[in-house]
Amino acid sequence: MKQLVSLLISLLLIAVTLVGCSGSPLSANPAAEGIQLTTITSGRFHEYPLPQTGNGLMRPVIDQNGDIWFGEMEYNHLSVFSPHNALLQQIPIPEGANGIMGLTVAPDNTIWFAEQYGNFIGHYTPTTREFQRYPLTLLEHNKQQLPSAPNNLAVDQQGNIWFTELNADMIGVLNPRTGAIKQYALTEHKTVQQYAPYSLTIDKQGVVWFTLSNKPLLGRLDPPTGKVTLIEIPEKQNRLMEITHDAEGAIWATGFEQGLVLKYKPTTQQFAVYRAAHEPKRANGVYGILSQQNGDIWVVSTSENAIAQLKHGEQQFRYYRIPTASSMPLGLVEGPDGTFWFTETGGNRIASFKP
């Protein structure tokens, strides 16, 4: 289990030298032939092993057709799995650098993704099979060039694409209509690799909330004013990872250690602490969180190798064990029929769970 934490932390302090960036438009990329995946069923779980090994599966998203999209870092693929026929398509990313991280689905059902090592925001249109590339600024730091290192993305009500920049210590926003990118520094004086903004969510008021993987802080960005507020979390030894918001406007975030799940209420500015692990002191991170309309919170717990549920109003998580041992589950999304989907980095599988 500790391998996952080591992997994630290694992604936070990227120090690779990049070659020059080419033009933004990329030539059309033909989708690969579909690969039929085998289904392994165990209780409420369905698992689909991928044909290769060591794919480096990242967080999934679900498009408006119910298809599952995810990145395969080791093979430089943007991949899509159709639950309707169990077909997988693995699409090579032009000018990718094996650094695909977070994805999001736009209102027009196109796919946006962060290429951390390639240092760009990518856009893929499934109907035309074309990629578009939006390069980010290279950083000069300690006599070397670093990527800004985009990590995770979210789309606002206007269709703008917001993203975190791990190395640049910034929150960025891309206007897909113009291609313009605006960046917000987290502090008055520009820093590099000090805060490492990791994940983000946009609440119903349009406020951008984000986690910081190098500081025990929760971040808030007000787009109309550009004001950034950094809020101390109650656990100074921990760092936050994934983030979401619930129907009541509360912010939920997961931690890198001890099975931490935090709830923050902006109206009262109060935190509540939960643990998605039976033995918190020995537990590692909780990677992936979603909120349901009924107020239930679901996470994937690597220590427990389980999908975990915190029912609305309760204090303890309930666990549903993943059949594959040491699966290292990442991400968690809900399909239109209420089925949950997640990736298994350790098990090298796509998996679903029916609550």
Protein backbone atom coordinates (compact mmCIF):
# COMPACT_ATOMS: atom_id res chain seq x y z
CA MET A 1 0.00 0.00 0.00
CA LYS A 2 2.84 2.40 0.77
CA GLN A 3 3.83 2.22 -2.88
CA LEU A 4 0.81 4.34 -3.77
CA VAL A 5 1.78 7.12 -1.38
CA SER A 6 5.34 7.06 -2.70
CA LEU A 7 4.04 7.23 -6.26
CA LEU A 8 1.77 10.17 -5.52
CA ILE A 9 4.38 12.13 -3.60
CA SER A 10 6.89 11.57 -6.38
CA LEU A 11 4.46 13.26 -8.75
CA LEU A 12 4.36 16.37 -6.60
CA LEU A 13 7.97 17.52 -6.93
CA ILE A 14 8.61 17.12 -10.60
CA ALA A 15 12.03 18.21 -11.77
CA VAL A 16 12.27 17.18 -15.38
CA THR A 17 13.79 19.21 -18.19
CA LEU A 18 11.44 19.66 -21.13
CA VAL A 19 12.05 20.18 -24.83
CA GLY A 20 10.51 23.14 -26.63
CA CYS A 21 6.77 23.18 -27.24
CA SER A 22 5.31 22.94 -30.74
CA GLY A 23 2.17 24.53 -32.10
CA SER A 24 -1.16 24.03 -30.37
CA PRO A 25 -3.25 22.32 -33.09
CA LEU A 26 -2.48 18.61 -33.43
CA SER A 27 -3.24 16.38 -36.35
CA ALA A 28 -6.20 14.06 -36.20
CA ASN A 29 -5.52 10.83 -34.37
CA PRO A 30 -7.36 7.70 -35.45
CA ALA A 31 -8.86 5.80 -32.55
CA ALA A 32 -7.46 2.35 -31.98
CA GLU A 33 -9.59 -0.68 -32.70
CA GLY A 34 -11.73 -1.65 -29.76
CA ILE A 35 -10.39 -4.36 -27.47
CA GLN A 36 -12.93 -6.67 -25.87
CA LEU A 37 -12.28 -6.90 -22.13
CA THR A 38 -13.14 -9.88 -19.95
CA THR A 39 -15.60 -9.29 -17.11
CA ILE A 40 -14.85 -10.73 -13.66
CA THR A 41 -17.86 -10.55 -11.34
CA SER A 42 -17.76 -10.82 -7.55
CA GLY A 43 -20.85 -9.74 -5.65
CA ARG A 44 -21.51 -6.08 -6.41
CA PHE A 45 -18.17 -5.64 -8.15
CA HIS A 46 -17.32 -6.06 -11.83
CA GLU A 47 -13.65 -5.88 -12.80
CA TYR A 48 -12.16 -5.60 -16.28
CA PRO A 49 -8.44 -6.48 -16.56
CA LEU A 50 -6.52 -4.49 -19.17
CA PRO A 51 -4.56 -6.38 -21.85
CA GLN A 52 -1.16 -4.90 -20.90
CA THR A 53 0.57 -4.70 -17.52
CA GLY A 54 1.73 -1.69 -15.54
CA ASN A 55 -0.49 0.77 -17.39
CA GLY A 56 -0.34 3.48 -14.71
CA LEU A 57 -4.10 4.02 -14.61
CA MET A 58 -5.27 7.44 -13.45
CA ARG A 59 -8.56 8.94 -12.25
CA PRO A 60 -11.64 8.18 -14.39
CA VAL A 61 -14.45 10.44 -15.60
CA ILE A 62 -17.80 9.56 -17.21
CA ASP A 63 -19.09 11.27 -20.33
CA GLN A 64 -22.69 11.99 -21.28
CA ASN A 65 -22.97 8.63 -23.05
CA GLY A 66 -21.96 6.74 -19.92
CA ASP A 67 -18.51 5.85 -21.27
CA ILE A 68 -15.53 5.78 -18.88
CA TRP A 69 -12.45 7.86 -19.79
CA PHE A 70 -9.09 7.61 -18.04
CA GLY A 71 -5.39 8.12 -18.61
CA GLU A 72 -2.73 5.42 -18.93
CA MET A 73 0.50 7.14 -17.97
CA GLU A 74 2.94 4.37 -18.83
CA TYR A 75 1.57 3.93 -22.36
CA ASN A 76 0.78 7.60 -23.10
CA HIS A 77 -2.87 6.76 -23.74
CA LEU A 78 -6.14 8.57 -23.35
CA SER A 79 -8.45 5.58 -23.04
CA VAL A 80 -12.19 5.04 -23.11
CA PHE A 81 -14.16 2.02 -21.92
CA SER A 82 -17.77 1.39 -22.90
CA PRO A 83 -19.78 -0.46 -20.23
CA HIS A 84 -22.41 -1.26 -22.88
CA ASN A 85 -20.19 -3.70 -24.77
CA ALA A 86 -17.01 -3.94 -22.62
CA LEU A 87 -14.90 -2.47 -25.43
CA LEU A 88 -11.73 -0.52 -24.65
CA GLN A 89 -10.10 2.01 -26.97
CA GLN A 90 -6.56 3.21 -26.20
CA ILE A 91 -5.77 6.46 -28.00
CA PRO A 92 -2.11 7.61 -28.20
CA ILE A 93 -1.65 11.26 -27.17
CA PRO A 94 0.31 13.30 -29.75
CA GLU A 95 3.32 14.98 -28.12
CA GLY A 96 2.39 13.43 -24.79
CA ALA A 97 5.17 12.71 -22.31
CA ASN A 98 3.60 9.87 -20.28
CA GLY A 99 2.24 12.42 -17.84
CA ILE A 100 -1.52 12.34 -18.33
CA MET A 101 -3.24 13.07 -15.01
CA GLY A 102 -6.70 14.52 -14.35
CA LEU A 103 -9.57 14.58 -16.86
CA THR A 104 -12.88 16.41 -17.07
CA VAL A 105 -15.85 16.26 -19.44
CA ALA A 106 -17.01 19.54 -21.00
CA PRO A 107 -20.69 20.44 -21.61
CA ASP A 108 -20.20 19.55 -25.31
CA ASN A 109 -19.08 16.04 -24.25
CA THR A 110 -15.47 16.59 -25.28
CA ILE A 111 -12.59 15.55 -23.04
CA TRP A 112 -10.05 17.84 -21.39
CA PHE A 113 -6.94 16.48 -19.68
CA ALA A 114 -3.78 17.61 -17.89
CA GLU A 115 -0.44 16.43 -19.31
CA GLN A 116 1.86 17.02 -16.38
CA TYR A 117 5.23 16.13 -17.88
CA GLY A 118 4.37 17.47 -21.34
CA ASN A 119 3.27 20.70 -19.63
CA PHE A 120 0.04 21.30 -21.48
CA ILE A 121 -3.72 21.16 -21.20
CA GLY A 122 -5.09 18.77 -23.80
CA HIS A 123 -8.47 18.66 -25.52
CA TYR A 124 -9.88 15.66 -27.38
CA THR A 125 -13.00 15.66 -29.54
CA PRO A 126 -14.32 12.07 -29.84
CA THR A 127 -16.52 12.80 -32.87
CA THR A 128 -13.59 14.05 -34.99
CA ARG A 129 -10.80 12.16 -33.18
CA GLU A 130 -8.76 15.36 -33.02
CA PHE A 131 -6.52 16.67 -30.26
CA GLN A 132 -5.82 20.28 -29.36
CA ARG A 133 -2.88 21.30 -27.19
CA TYR A 134 -2.58 24.39 -24.96
CA PRO A 135 1.03 24.75 -23.74
CA LEU A 136 1.83 26.19 -20.32
CA THR A 137 4.79 28.30 -19.27
CA LEU A 138 8.11 26.69 -18.38
CA LEU A 139 9.54 27.74 -15.03
CA GLU A 140 13.11 28.79 -14.32
CA HIS A 141 14.01 27.41 -10.91
CA ASN A 142 17.41 26.61 -9.39
CA LYS A 143 19.08 26.91 -12.79
CA GLN A 144 16.79 24.41 -14.46
CA GLN A 145 13.57 24.45 -16.43
CA LEU A 146 10.49 22.91 -14.82
CA PRO A 147 7.01 22.31 -16.20
CA SER A 148 4.16 24.19 -14.56
CA ALA A 149 2.85 20.63 -14.01
CA PRO A 150 -0.94 20.73 -14.44
CA ASN A 151 -2.53 18.05 -12.30
CA ASN A 152 -6.31 18.16 -12.05
CA LEU A 153 -9.16 19.95 -13.82
CA ALA A 154 -12.74 21.11 -13.33
CA VAL A 155 -15.20 22.88 -15.62
CA ASP A 156 -17.31 25.84 -14.43
CA GLN A 157 -20.85 26.81 -15.42
CA GLN A 158 -19.53 28.95 -18.29
CA GLY A 159 -17.54 26.05 -19.72
CA ASN A 160 -14.14 27.39 -18.63
CA ILE A 161 -11.52 24.81 -17.70
CA TRP A 162 -9.86 25.35 -14.30
CA PHE A 163 -6.72 23.47 -13.34
CA THR A 164 -4.06 23.19 -10.65
CA GLU A 165 -0.35 23.74 -11.35
CA LEU A 166 1.79 21.71 -8.96
CA ASN A 167 5.17 23.29 -9.66
CA ALA A 168 4.00 26.81 -10.50
CA ASP A 169 1.98 27.19 -7.27
CA MET A 170 -0.90 28.59 -9.29
CA ILE A 171 -4.50 27.97 -10.24
CA GLY A 172 -5.12 28.37 -13.96
CA VAL A 173 -8.22 28.84 -16.08
CA LEU A 174 -8.52 28.27 -19.82
CA ASN A 175 -11.22 29.88 -21.94
CA PRO A 176 -12.00 27.23 -24.61
CA ARG A 177 -13.63 29.82 -26.87
CA THR A 178 -10.47 31.92 -27.18
CA GLY A 179 -7.70 29.62 -25.94
CA ALA A 180 -6.63 32.30 -23.46
CA ILE A 181 -5.14 31.13 -20.16
CA LYS A 182 -5.22 33.17 -16.95
CA GLN A 183 -3.24 32.21 -13.86
CA TYR A 184 -3.76 33.07 -10.20
CA ALA A 185 -0.78 33.01 -7.84
CA LEU A 186 -1.51 31.63 -4.38
CA THR A 187 0.54 34.24 -2.54
CA GLU A 188 1.61 37.84 -3.07
CA HIS A 189 5.15 36.79 -3.90
CA LYS A 190 5.47 34.19 -6.64
CA THR A 191 6.70 30.78 -5.44
CA VAL A 192 7.72 27.51 -7.08
CA GLN A 193 7.10 24.06 -5.54
CA GLN A 194 6.21 25.54 -2.16
CA TYR A 195 2.45 24.88 -2.06
CA ALA A 196 1.80 22.34 -4.85
CA PRO A 197 -1.95 22.81 -5.52
CA TYR A 198 -3.27 19.35 -6.23
CA SER A 199 -7.00 18.98 -6.86
CA LEU A 200 -9.98 21.33 -7.18
CA THR A 201 -13.77 21.58 -7.21
CA ILE A 202 -16.15 24.40 -8.13
CA ASP A 203 -19.18 24.94 -5.90
CA LYS A 204 -22.64 26.15 -6.95
CA GLN A 205 -21.64 29.78 -6.38
CA GLY A 206 -18.71 29.40 -8.78
CA VAL A 207 -16.09 29.51 -6.03
CA VAL A 208 -13.00 27.39 -6.74
CA TRP A 209 -11.83 25.26 -3.83
CA PHE A 210 -8.51 23.43 -3.99
CA THR A 211 -6.12 21.27 -1.99
CA LEU A 212 -2.42 21.86 -1.35
CA SER A 213 -0.15 18.84 -1.16
CA ASN A 214 2.84 20.65 0.36
CA LYS A 215 1.06 22.62 3.09
CA PRO A 216 -1.63 21.77 5.69
CA LEU A 217 -4.04 24.19 4.02
CA LEU A 218 -7.33 24.31 2.13
CA GLY A 219 -7.54 26.89 -0.65
CA ARG A 220 -10.38 29.13 -1.84
CA LEU A 221 -10.38 31.28 -5.00
CA ASP A 222 -13.10 33.82 -5.79
CA PRO A 223 -13.05 34.22 -9.61
CA PRO A 224 -14.72 37.68 -9.83
CA THR A 225 -12.11 39.28 -7.55
CA GLY A 226 -9.21 36.85 -7.97
CA LYS A 227 -8.85 36.74 -4.19
CA VAL A 228 -7.14 33.62 -2.84
CA THR A 229 -7.71 32.53 0.77
CA LEU A 230 -5.65 29.80 2.43
CA ILE A 231 -7.31 28.09 5.40
CA GLU A 232 -5.40 26.07 7.99
CA ILE A 233 -6.67 22.52 8.42
CA PRO A 234 -6.89 20.91 11.88
CA GLU A 235 -4.26 18.23 11.14
CA LYS A 236 -0.94 20.02 10.68
CA GLN A 237 0.96 16.79 9.93
CA ASN A 238 -1.30 15.85 7.02
CA ARG A 239 -1.76 17.15 3.48
CA LEU A 240 -4.91 17.18 1.40
CA MET A 241 -5.43 15.32 -1.86
CA GLU A 242 -8.83 14.97 -3.59
CA ILE A 243 -11.73 17.38 -3.06
CA THR A 244 -15.46 17.74 -3.79
CA HIS A 245 -18.51 19.61 -2.47
CA ASP A 246 -21.90 18.35 -1.33
CA ALA A 247 -25.46 19.47 -2.03
CA GLU A 248 -25.47 21.65 1.10
CA GLY A 249 -22.34 23.55 0.06
CA ALA A 250 -19.89 21.83 2.41
CA ILE A 251 -16.40 21.04 1.12
CA TRP A 252 -14.98 17.53 1.50
CA ALA A 253 -11.33 16.56 1.02
CA THR A 254 -9.19 13.47 1.46
CA GLY A 255 -5.70 13.24 2.97
CA PHE A 256 -2.39 11.68 2.00
CA GLU A 257 -2.10 9.84 5.32
CA GLN A 258 -4.05 8.16 8.12
CA GLY A 259 -7.23 7.65 6.10
CA LEU A 260 -8.12 11.31 6.55
CA VAL A 261 -11.42 12.70 5.26
CA LEU A 262 -12.18 16.34 6.12
CA LYS A 263 -15.43 18.28 5.96
CA TYR A 264 -15.39 22.08 5.90
CA LYS A 265 -18.52 24.25 6.21
CA PRO A 266 -17.92 27.69 4.66
CA THR A 267 -20.93 29.14 6.49
CA THR A 268 -19.47 28.37 9.93
CA GLN A 269 -15.79 28.02 8.94
CA GLN A 270 -15.68 24.79 10.95
CA PHE A 271 -13.96 21.48 10.16
CA ALA A 272 -15.05 17.94 10.99
CA VAL A 273 -12.57 15.04 10.87
CA TYR A 274 -13.38 11.49 9.73
CA ARG A 275 -11.24 8.39 9.13
CA ALA A 276 -11.70 5.93 6.28
CA ALA A 277 -9.45 3.33 7.91
CA HIS A 278 -9.70 0.90 10.83
CA GLU A 279 -6.14 1.69 11.97
CA PRO A 280 -5.52 5.35 11.10
CA LYS A 281 -1.93 5.46 12.38
CA ARG A 282 -0.95 2.71 9.94
CA ALA A 283 -3.13 3.90 7.07
CA ASN A 284 -2.09 5.70 3.93
CA GLY A 285 -4.08 7.98 1.65
CA VAL A 286 -7.69 8.11 0.60
CA TYR A 287 -7.62 8.72 -3.14
CA GLY A 288 -10.97 9.51 -4.68
CA ILE A 289 -14.14 10.99 -3.20
CA LEU A 290 -17.67 11.68 -4.38
CA SER A 291 -20.78 13.19 -2.84
CA GLN A 292 -24.29 11.96 -3.58
CA GLN A 293 -27.43 14.09 -3.63
CA ASN A 294 -28.70 12.28 -0.52
CA GLY A 295 -25.68 13.53 1.44
CA ASP A 296 -23.73 10.26 1.50
CA ILE A 297 -19.96 10.50 0.97
CA TRP A 298 -18.04 7.73 -0.78
CA VAL A 299 -14.28 7.27 -0.99
CA VAL A 300 -11.76 4.68 -2.13
CA SER A 301 -9.52 3.55 0.72
CA THR A 302 -6.17 2.09 -0.30
CA SER A 303 -5.39 0.83 3.20
CA GLU A 304 -8.67 -1.06 3.42
CA ASN A 305 -8.65 -1.99 -0.29
CA ALA A 306 -12.27 -0.96 -0.30
CA ILE A 307 -15.00 1.39 -1.39
CA ALA A 308 -16.09 3.17 1.80
CA GLN A 309 -19.41 4.86 2.54
CA LEU A 310 -20.13 7.58 5.10
CA LYS A 311 -23.90 7.81 5.36
CA HIS A 312 -25.35 11.27 5.88
CA GLY A 313 -25.34 12.13 9.58
CA GLU A 314 -23.15 9.18 10.61
CA GLN A 315 -19.58 9.25 11.94
CA GLN A 316 -18.14 5.90 10.82
CA PHE A 317 -17.46 4.53 7.35
CA ARG A 318 -18.86 1.26 6.04
CA TYR A 319 -16.53 -0.81 3.85
CA TYR A 320 -17.08 -2.84 0.69
CA ARG A 321 -13.94 -4.86 -0.05
CA ILE A 322 -12.55 -4.85 -3.57
CA PRO A 323 -12.10 -8.46 -4.79
CA THR A 324 -8.58 -7.93 -6.18
CA ALA A 325 -5.99 -7.75 -3.39
CA SER A 326 -3.72 -4.68 -3.25
CA SER A 327 -5.73 -3.10 -6.05
CA MET A 328 -4.65 0.49 -5.18
CA PRO A 329 -7.95 2.08 -6.22
CA LEU A 330 -7.86 5.60 -7.66
CA GLY A 331 -10.64 8.05 -8.39
CA LEU A 332 -14.35 7.45 -7.95
CA VAL A 333 -17.18 8.57 -10.23
CA GLU A 334 -20.89 7.81 -10.45
CA GLY A 335 -22.60 6.79 -13.67
CA PRO A 336 -26.11 7.80 -14.79
CA ASP A 337 -27.53 4.51 -13.46
CA GLY A 338 -25.95 4.98 -10.02
CA THR A 339 -23.05 2.60 -10.66
CA PHE A 340 -19.66 3.70 -9.29
CA TRP A 341 -16.52 3.40 -11.42
CA PHE A 342 -12.88 3.49 -10.37
CA THR A 343 -9.46 2.46 -11.62
CA GLU A 344 -7.17 -0.08 -9.97
CA THR A 345 -3.56 0.98 -10.41
CA GLY A 346 -2.26 -2.06 -8.52
CA GLY A 347 -4.70 -4.48 -10.14
CA ASN A 348 -4.38 -2.87 -13.60
CA ARG A 349 -8.14 -2.97 -14.03
CA ILE A 350 -11.20 -0.84 -14.60
CA ALA A 351 -13.84 -1.67 -12.02
CA SER A 352 -17.43 -0.89 -11.11
CA PHE A 353 -19.44 -1.20 -7.92
CA LYS A 354 -23.21 -1.12 -7.57
CA PRO A 355 -24.25 0.36 -4.18
